[in-house]
């Protein structure tokens, strides 16, 4: 009987791949998220050092998903980048449920473009290799082919031609958080997998419950799934995660909680987490609209060793919604380096703040610097033109950016 190895959180699959993939494979990847955030060069070096010594990468997997420090090298939101850098895959085919309702390949391309556009330092490679097909979109990152498609389009992809095909399923692929139900019936998915002769290639499955992406009652999907395709589940020993499950679920819900529940979470999950706990409390307070208290918790998080930029970003977003651009700018500037996608997005928001504050010269300079990191972000081209016009500059000073903006729009529409 064939087996499927199960994991609590998705980042745990990387050491498994390290031990089982002997040559670059094709990964068929069912997930609600594209776990492909940039990893800093320092952390990439840590990963390569362990691989070169034939040591497991497990110890470098973040013990808490939202940890922001240099102690660990990767986690559930960026492990695919590590896999690409290690040349584990020649091709990754992401089957996304979120875009299933979209009617054409242009919609699919826009979704893919928006996600990839916030990965710093890779924009030019992605633009140059961006291709559309009737069944999905293809591009490259570090010479690995990356595709996005949907469940119903798998039949057009001739997967039987892929050598060394490995299928990985994150069970949050099935769960729709908006209506708290499933995107698909399990039998519907299984039928498509069988029609495409994929079932025997399923090697790994992840629950994503502790991170808040899927409710505990849906854990049973794994056993139902494996039973229907006559495969045996093998549980991989989980990392000793100190995951604040209820807190992460409350943050994923994006709705305000009351003070009583906040106090409960503080006592049950947050006190033990030191700086990370303060950051999470800050994030919850932002959702509750208590920005003053959220700011205090942010500084406590910093004092206790967490970078806490996630909290700073959310505080900045709240001020921006209030059109308090001066305070928003202050919070978006809390992190100087740019690795994470929210750090990348904060640069764009800083440019917008400078525009509203009429800091035109500095805003234009920042827009030029940001474009070098994020050349896929079309709003930066538009902002450069706006700044130039505000400063009464001639069209020749921004026509190059205007033309590039038009080229990108054409690429996405054709």
Protein backbone atom coordinates (compact mmCIF):
# COMPACT_ATOMS: atom_id res chain seq x y z
CA UNK A 1 0.00 0.00 0.00
CA UNK A 2 1.34 3.44 -0.93
CA UNK A 3 1.76 6.00 1.84
CA UNK A 4 1.15 9.71 2.39
CA UNK A 5 3.25 11.48 5.03
CA UNK A 6 1.27 14.06 7.02
CA UNK A 7 2.57 17.24 8.66
CA UNK A 8 1.04 19.69 11.12
CA UNK A 9 2.36 22.80 9.34
CA UNK A 10 3.52 23.20 5.78
CA UNK A 11 7.09 24.33 6.44
CA UNK A 12 7.76 20.92 8.00
CA UNK A 13 7.70 19.32 4.55
CA UNK A 14 11.03 20.89 3.52
CA UNK A 15 13.26 18.50 5.55
CA UNK A 16 11.18 15.60 4.19
CA UNK A 17 11.89 16.73 0.63
CA UNK A 18 15.54 17.16 1.59
CA UNK A 19 15.70 13.49 2.53
CA UNK A 20 13.63 12.03 -0.30
CA UNK A 21 14.19 14.08 -3.47
CA UNK A 22 17.34 12.89 -5.21
CA UNK A 23 17.07 14.92 -8.43
CA UNK A 24 15.02 18.00 -9.43
CA UNK A 25 11.34 17.02 -9.54
CA UNK A 26 8.07 18.54 -10.73
CA UNK A 27 5.91 19.59 -7.78
CA UNK A 28 2.12 19.64 -8.11
CA UNK A 29 1.16 21.90 -5.23
CA UNK A 30 -2.41 22.16 -3.88
CA UNK A 31 -2.61 25.07 -1.43
CA UNK A 32 -4.72 28.11 -0.62
CA UNK A 33 -1.50 30.16 -0.37
CA UNK A 34 1.66 30.52 -2.42
CA UNK A 35 4.30 30.04 0.30
CA UNK A 36 7.01 31.85 -1.63
CA UNK A 37 8.20 34.87 0.32
CA UNK A 38 11.79 35.94 -0.17
CA UNK A 39 14.35 34.61 2.33
CA UNK A 40 17.28 36.85 3.25
CA UNK A 41 20.77 35.95 2.05
CA UNK A 42 21.93 35.36 5.63
CA UNK A 43 19.20 32.79 6.23
CA UNK A 44 19.76 31.15 2.84
CA UNK A 45 23.41 30.67 3.81
CA UNK A 46 22.32 28.92 7.03
CA UNK A 47 20.17 26.56 4.98
CA UNK A 48 22.96 25.72 2.54
CA UNK A 49 25.47 25.16 5.34
CA UNK A 50 23.29 22.44 6.86
CA UNK A 51 22.60 20.82 3.48
CA UNK A 52 26.32 20.76 2.65
CA UNK A 53 26.98 19.01 5.97
CA UNK A 54 24.13 16.55 5.26
CA UNK A 55 22.28 17.84 8.34
CA UNK A 56 18.49 18.06 8.56
CA UNK A 57 16.88 21.43 7.92
CA UNK A 58 14.27 20.73 10.59
CA UNK A 59 16.13 22.73 13.24
CA UNK A 60 15.97 25.87 11.03
CA UNK A 61 12.16 25.77 10.71
CA UNK A 62 10.56 28.58 12.74
CA UNK A 63 9.03 27.22 15.94
CA UNK A 64 6.34 29.92 15.83
CA UNK A 65 4.96 30.94 12.41
CA UNK A 66 4.93 34.67 13.14
CA UNK A 67 8.40 34.90 14.71
CA UNK A 68 10.39 37.89 13.37
CA UNK A 69 14.05 37.46 14.29
CA UNK A 70 17.23 35.84 12.99
CA UNK A 71 17.02 32.67 15.07
CA UNK A 72 15.43 30.50 12.35
CA UNK A 73 15.88 30.45 8.58
CA UNK A 74 12.47 29.60 7.11
CA UNK A 75 8.85 28.82 7.94
CA UNK A 76 5.44 27.98 6.56
CA UNK A 77 5.24 31.12 4.40
CA UNK A 78 8.60 30.93 2.60
CA UNK A 79 9.77 27.30 2.54
CA UNK A 80 9.06 27.07 -1.21
CA UNK A 81 11.68 29.77 -1.78
CA UNK A 82 14.19 27.64 0.13
CA UNK A 83 13.24 24.60 -1.98
CA UNK A 84 13.76 26.61 -5.18
CA UNK A 85 17.11 27.93 -3.99
CA UNK A 86 18.19 24.36 -3.20
CA UNK A 87 17.20 23.30 -6.74
CA UNK A 88 14.78 20.66 -5.48
CA UNK A 89 12.28 21.34 -8.27
CA UNK A 90 12.60 22.06 -11.96
CA UNK A 91 8.92 23.03 -12.05
CA UNK A 92 6.27 23.96 -9.46
CA UNK A 93 2.61 23.86 -10.53
CA UNK A 94 0.43 25.68 -8.01
CA UNK A 95 -3.22 24.59 -8.07
CA UNK A 96 -5.05 27.47 -6.41
CA UNK A 97 -8.66 27.27 -5.20
CA UNK A 98 -9.05 31.01 -4.68
CA UNK A 99 -9.22 31.78 -8.38
CA UNK A 100 -11.47 28.89 -9.37
CA UNK A 101 -14.45 31.19 -9.85
CA UNK A 102 -12.56 33.50 -12.18
CA UNK A 103 -13.64 33.21 -15.77
CA UNK A 104 -10.52 33.64 -17.90
CA UNK A 105 -6.76 33.41 -18.01
CA UNK A 106 -6.36 37.19 -17.65
CA UNK A 107 -7.97 37.02 -14.21
CA UNK A 108 -5.65 34.15 -13.32
CA UNK A 109 -2.67 36.14 -14.56
CA UNK A 110 -3.64 39.16 -12.47
CA UNK A 111 -3.88 37.05 -9.31
CA UNK A 112 -0.47 35.48 -9.98
CA UNK A 113 1.11 38.81 -10.91
CA UNK A 114 -0.11 40.52 -7.75
CA UNK A 115 1.30 37.77 -5.54
CA UNK A 116 4.68 37.61 -7.26
CA UNK A 117 5.05 41.38 -7.60
CA UNK A 118 5.84 41.78 -3.89
CA UNK A 119 8.81 39.39 -3.99
CA UNK A 120 11.79 41.79 -4.04
CA UNK A 121 14.75 41.32 -6.40
CA UNK A 122 13.05 38.89 -8.80
CA UNK A 123 10.69 41.15 -10.74
CA UNK A 124 12.73 41.46 -13.92
CA UNK A 125 13.16 37.68 -14.25
CA UNK A 126 9.43 37.14 -13.67
CA UNK A 127 8.42 39.79 -16.23
CA UNK A 128 10.80 38.46 -18.90
CA UNK A 129 9.56 34.87 -18.51
CA UNK A 130 5.83 35.60 -17.97
CA UNK A 131 3.69 33.52 -20.36
CA UNK A 132 -0.02 32.83 -20.69
CA UNK A 133 -1.65 29.60 -21.74
CA UNK A 134 -5.32 28.68 -21.99
CA UNK A 135 -4.95 26.59 -18.81
CA UNK A 136 -2.78 28.88 -16.69
CA UNK A 137 0.23 31.16 -16.31
CA UNK A 138 3.93 30.33 -16.36
CA UNK A 139 7.02 32.25 -15.24
CA UNK A 140 10.44 31.59 -13.69
CA UNK A 141 12.13 32.32 -10.37
CA UNK A 142 15.84 31.46 -10.05
CA UNK A 143 15.40 29.41 -13.26
CA UNK A 144 12.68 27.22 -11.70
CA UNK A 145 9.49 27.19 -13.76
CA UNK A 146 6.52 28.35 -11.68
CA UNK A 147 2.94 27.90 -12.86
CA UNK A 148 -0.53 28.70 -11.55
CA UNK A 149 -3.61 26.80 -12.64
CA UNK A 150 -6.96 25.61 -11.32
CA UNK A 151 -8.39 22.21 -10.53
CA UNK A 152 -10.56 22.07 -13.64
CA UNK A 153 -7.64 22.99 -15.90
CA UNK A 154 -5.42 20.08 -14.86
CA UNK A 155 -6.83 17.97 -17.69
CA UNK A 156 -5.18 20.29 -20.23
CA UNK A 157 -1.69 20.12 -18.74
CA UNK A 158 -0.58 16.64 -19.86
CA UNK A 159 0.82 15.83 -16.44
CA UNK A 160 1.55 12.28 -17.54
CA UNK A 161 4.49 13.74 -19.49
CA UNK A 162 6.10 15.12 -16.32
CA UNK A 163 9.01 13.01 -15.14
CA UNK A 164 9.42 12.59 -11.38
CA UNK A 165 6.05 14.17 -10.48
CA UNK A 166 5.44 14.74 -6.76
CA UNK A 167 2.08 15.93 -5.43
CA UNK A 168 1.77 17.88 -2.18
CA UNK A 169 -1.58 18.82 -0.62
CA UNK A 170 -2.18 21.42 2.05
CA UNK A 171 -5.67 20.66 3.31
CA UNK A 172 -6.42 24.39 3.60
CA UNK A 173 -6.79 24.10 -0.20
CA UNK A 174 -10.28 22.77 0.51
CA UNK A 175 -11.34 25.29 3.15
CA UNK A 176 -13.02 28.57 2.24
CA UNK A 177 -12.61 30.95 5.23
CA UNK A 178 -15.16 33.41 3.85
CA UNK A 179 -18.14 31.10 4.13
CA UNK A 180 -16.50 28.65 6.58
CA UNK A 181 -17.17 25.77 4.24
CA UNK A 182 -15.35 23.79 1.56
CA UNK A 183 -14.45 25.12 -1.89
CA UNK A 184 -15.02 21.66 -3.33
CA UNK A 185 -16.62 18.38 -2.41
CA UNK A 186 -13.92 15.83 -1.65
CA UNK A 187 -15.28 13.37 -4.22
CA UNK A 188 -15.13 16.07 -6.89
CA UNK A 189 -11.41 16.61 -6.28
CA UNK A 190 -10.68 12.89 -6.08
CA UNK A 191 -12.41 12.27 -9.38
CA UNK A 192 -10.25 14.87 -11.13
CA UNK A 193 -7.08 13.49 -9.53
CA UNK A 194 -7.97 9.99 -10.69
CA UNK A 195 -8.81 11.16 -14.22
CA UNK A 196 -5.38 12.78 -14.42
CA UNK A 197 -3.64 9.73 -12.87
CA UNK A 198 -2.26 11.84 -10.03
CA UNK A 199 -3.29 9.86 -6.93
CA UNK A 200 -0.19 7.64 -6.85
CA UNK A 201 2.05 10.72 -6.89
CA UNK A 202 0.60 12.17 -3.64
CA UNK A 203 3.47 12.03 -1.15
CA UNK A 204 2.72 14.69 1.48
CA UNK A 205 -0.29 16.30 3.16
CA UNK A 206 -0.46 19.18 5.66
CA UNK A 207 -3.17 20.19 8.16
CA UNK A 208 -2.39 23.93 8.69
CA UNK A 209 -4.60 23.94 11.78
CA UNK A 210 -2.23 25.38 14.38
CA UNK A 211 -1.47 28.32 12.11
CA UNK A 212 -5.18 29.14 11.98
CA UNK A 213 -5.77 28.41 8.29
CA UNK A 214 -8.09 25.45 8.82
CA UNK A 215 -10.40 24.56 11.74
CA UNK A 216 -9.66 21.43 13.78
CA UNK A 217 -12.88 19.60 12.75
CA UNK A 218 -11.55 19.38 9.19
CA UNK A 219 -8.55 17.31 10.27
CA UNK A 220 -10.62 14.25 9.39
CA UNK A 221 -10.33 15.17 5.69
CA UNK A 222 -6.95 13.44 5.61
CA UNK A 223 -8.27 10.05 6.72
CA UNK A 224 -11.33 10.27 4.45
CA UNK A 225 -9.11 11.26 1.54
CA UNK A 226 -6.54 8.50 2.07
CA UNK A 227 -9.23 5.85 2.55
CA UNK A 228 -10.90 6.74 -0.74
CA UNK A 229 -7.65 6.31 -2.69
CA UNK A 230 -6.48 3.29 -0.67
CA UNK A 231 -3.36 4.93 0.75
CA UNK A 232 -1.95 4.79 4.26
CA UNK A 233 -1.24 7.91 6.33
CA UNK A 234 2.08 8.17 8.14
CA UNK A 235 2.35 11.01 10.65
CA UNK A 236 5.65 12.87 10.55
CA UNK A 237 6.96 13.77 14.04
CA UNK A 238 5.91 17.39 14.49
CA UNK A 239 8.17 20.21 15.56
CA UNK A 240 7.54 21.34 19.11
CA UNK A 241 5.66 24.42 18.00
CA UNK A 242 4.51 26.94 20.59
CA UNK A 243 1.72 27.97 18.29
CA UNK A 244 -0.94 30.31 19.72
CA UNK A 245 -3.74 28.55 17.87
CA UNK A 246 -6.70 30.57 19.13
CA UNK A 247 -4.87 33.87 18.69
CA UNK A 248 -3.90 33.02 15.11
CA UNK A 249 -7.50 32.03 14.39
CA UNK A 250 -8.74 35.35 15.82
CA UNK A 251 -6.27 37.26 13.63
CA UNK A 252 -7.22 35.23 10.55
CA UNK A 253 -10.86 36.10 11.20
CA UNK A 254 -9.95 39.82 10.98
CA UNK A 255 -12.84 40.82 13.23
CA UNK A 256 -12.62 42.69 16.55
CA UNK A 257 -12.66 40.64 19.72
CA UNK A 258 -13.84 41.93 23.10
CA UNK A 259 -11.62 42.75 26.06
CA UNK A 260 -12.66 39.62 27.94
CA UNK A 261 -11.50 37.36 25.12
CA UNK A 262 -8.27 39.35 24.74
CA UNK A 263 -7.52 38.79 28.44
CA UNK A 264 -8.26 35.09 28.01
CA UNK A 265 -5.84 34.82 25.07
CA UNK A 266 -3.21 36.77 26.99
CA UNK A 267 -3.33 34.34 29.89
CA UNK A 268 -3.68 31.16 27.83
CA UNK A 269 -1.32 31.78 24.90
CA UNK A 270 0.47 35.13 24.82
CA UNK A 271 2.21 35.54 28.19
CA UNK A 272 4.54 32.63 27.53
CA UNK A 273 5.64 34.00 24.13
CA UNK A 274 7.48 37.10 25.37
CA UNK A 275 8.11 39.51 22.45
CA UNK A 276 5.99 37.51 20.03
CA UNK A 277 3.14 37.58 22.53
CA UNK A 278 3.36 41.37 22.79
CA UNK A 279 3.30 41.64 18.99
CA UNK A 280 0.23 39.43 18.70
CA UNK A 281 -1.52 41.44 21.41
CA UNK A 282 -0.68 44.59 19.44
CA UNK A 283 -2.25 43.07 16.31
CA UNK A 284 -5.40 42.10 18.19
CA UNK A 285 -5.66 45.62 19.62
CA UNK A 286 -5.39 47.07 16.11
CA UNK A 287 -8.37 44.92 15.11
CA UNK A 288 -10.18 46.26 18.17
CA UNK A 289 -9.45 49.85 17.12
CA UNK A 290 -7.27 50.59 20.17
CA UNK A 291 -4.25 52.08 18.39
CA UNK A 292 -2.73 53.72 21.45
CA UNK A 293 -2.59 50.43 23.33
CA UNK A 294 -1.42 48.65 20.18
CA UNK A 295 1.54 51.03 19.92
CA UNK A 296 2.53 50.37 23.54
CA UNK A 297 2.49 46.63 22.90
CA UNK A 298 4.59 47.09 19.76
CA UNK A 299 7.34 48.77 21.77
CA UNK A 300 7.14 46.03 24.38
CA UNK A 301 7.58 43.44 21.61
CA UNK A 302 10.68 45.26 20.37
CA UNK A 303 12.13 45.42 23.88
CA UNK A 304 11.64 41.67 24.21
CA UNK A 305 13.50 40.83 20.99
CA UNK A 306 10.88 40.60 18.23
CA UNK A 307 11.11 42.86 15.17
CA UNK A 308 7.29 43.17 15.23
CA UNK A 309 7.03 44.76 11.79
CA UNK A 310 3.76 42.93 11.19
CA UNK A 311 2.29 44.97 14.04
CA UNK A 312 3.92 48.20 12.82
CA UNK A 313 2.50 47.63 9.34
CA UNK A 314 -1.03 47.07 10.65
CA UNK A 315 -0.82 50.14 12.87
CA UNK A 316 0.32 52.14 9.84
CA UNK A 317 -2.56 50.77 7.77
CA UNK A 318 -5.03 51.88 10.43
CA UNK A 319 -3.64 55.42 10.44
CA UNK A 320 -3.73 55.47 6.65
CA UNK A 321 -7.42 54.53 6.65
CA UNK A 322 -7.95 57.52 8.96
CA UNK A 323 -6.00 59.68 6.43
CA UNK A 324 -3.43 60.44 9.12
CA UNK A 325 -0.54 60.12 6.68
CA UNK A 326 2.12 61.53 8.97
CA UNK A 327 1.58 58.83 11.61
CA UNK A 328 1.10 56.17 8.94
CA UNK A 329 4.46 57.07 7.39
CA UNK A 330 6.19 56.80 10.76
CA UNK A 331 4.94 53.23 11.22
CA UNK A 332 5.68 52.09 7.68
CA UNK A 333 9.26 53.28 8.18
CA UNK A 334 9.89 51.06 11.21
CA UNK A 335 11.64 48.37 9.14
CA UNK A 336 14.59 49.44 7.00
CA UNK A 337 15.37 46.24 5.06
CA UNK A 338 13.01 44.72 2.50
CA UNK A 339 12.52 40.94 2.48
CA UNK A 340 8.96 40.15 3.56
CA UNK A 341 6.04 41.02 1.29
CA UNK A 342 4.54 43.41 3.86
CA UNK A 343 7.91 45.19 4.05
CA UNK A 344 7.78 45.50 0.27
CA UNK A 345 4.21 46.78 0.35
CA UNK A 346 5.10 49.25 3.08
CA UNK A 347 7.53 50.95 0.67
CA UNK A 348 4.68 51.61 -1.76
CA UNK A 349 2.52 52.93 1.07
CA UNK A 350 5.37 55.23 2.14
CA UNK A 351 5.41 56.69 -1.38
CA UNK A 352 1.65 57.31 -1.14
CA UNK A 353 2.08 59.00 2.23
CA UNK A 354 4.74 61.32 0.80
CA UNK A 355 2.35 62.21 -2.02
CA UNK A 356 -0.44 63.12 0.41
CA UNK A 357 2.02 65.05 2.60
CA UNK A 358 3.30 66.87 -0.52
CA UNK A 359 6.86 65.64 0.00
CA UNK A 360 7.15 65.41 -3.77
CA UNK A 361 10.92 65.40 -4.22
CA UNK A 362 11.56 62.75 -1.58
CA UNK A 363 8.55 60.73 -2.70
CA UNK A 364 9.82 60.66 -6.29
CA UNK A 365 13.27 59.56 -5.13
CA UNK A 366 11.76 56.76 -3.01
CA UNK A 367 9.56 55.68 -5.94
CA UNK A 368 12.63 55.32 -8.17
CA UNK A 369 14.46 53.24 -5.53
CA UNK A 370 11.41 51.09 -4.87
CA UNK A 371 10.90 50.40 -8.57
CA UNK A 372 14.36 48.82 -8.72
CA UNK A 373 13.23 46.32 -6.06
CA UNK A 374 9.65 45.85 -7.29
CA UNK A 375 9.48 46.47 -11.06
CA UNK A 376 6.19 44.54 -11.36
CA UNK A 377 4.20 46.98 -9.21
CA UNK A 378 2.28 49.08 -11.72
CA UNK A 379 1.19 51.68 -9.18
CA UNK A 380 4.81 52.81 -8.80
CA UNK A 381 4.96 53.79 -12.49
CA UNK A 382 1.75 55.78 -12.04
CA UNK A 383 3.08 57.46 -8.90
CA UNK A 384 6.28 58.52 -10.66
CA UNK A 385 4.21 60.23 -13.35
CA UNK A 386 2.07 61.95 -10.71
CA UNK A 387 5.12 63.22 -8.81
CA UNK A 388 6.70 64.51 -12.02
CA UNK A 389 3.54 66.40 -12.93
CA UNK A 390 3.26 67.83 -9.39
CA UNK A 391 6.82 69.12 -9.75
CA UNK A 392 6.07 70.60 -13.22
CA UNK A 393 8.60 68.32 -14.89
CA UNK A 394 8.51 67.67 -18.62
CA UNK A 395 6.99 64.52 -20.12
CA UNK A 396 10.43 63.35 -21.26
CA UNK A 397 11.31 62.93 -17.56
CA UNK A 398 8.68 60.25 -17.04
CA UNK A 399 7.73 58.95 -20.51
CA UNK A 400 9.97 55.88 -20.01
CA UNK A 401 7.99 54.85 -16.92
CA UNK A 402 4.69 55.57 -18.62
CA UNK A 403 5.66 53.31 -21.54
CA UNK A 404 6.76 50.49 -19.20
CA UNK A 405 3.46 50.76 -17.34
CA UNK A 406 1.60 50.38 -20.64
CA UNK A 407 3.74 47.36 -21.61
CA UNK A 408 2.89 45.60 -18.34
CA UNK A 409 -0.82 46.30 -18.77
CA UNK A 410 -0.63 44.91 -22.29
CA UNK A 411 1.18 41.80 -21.04
CA UNK A 412 -1.59 41.15 -18.51
CA UNK A 413 -4.43 41.72 -20.98
CA UNK A 414 -3.25 39.79 -24.04
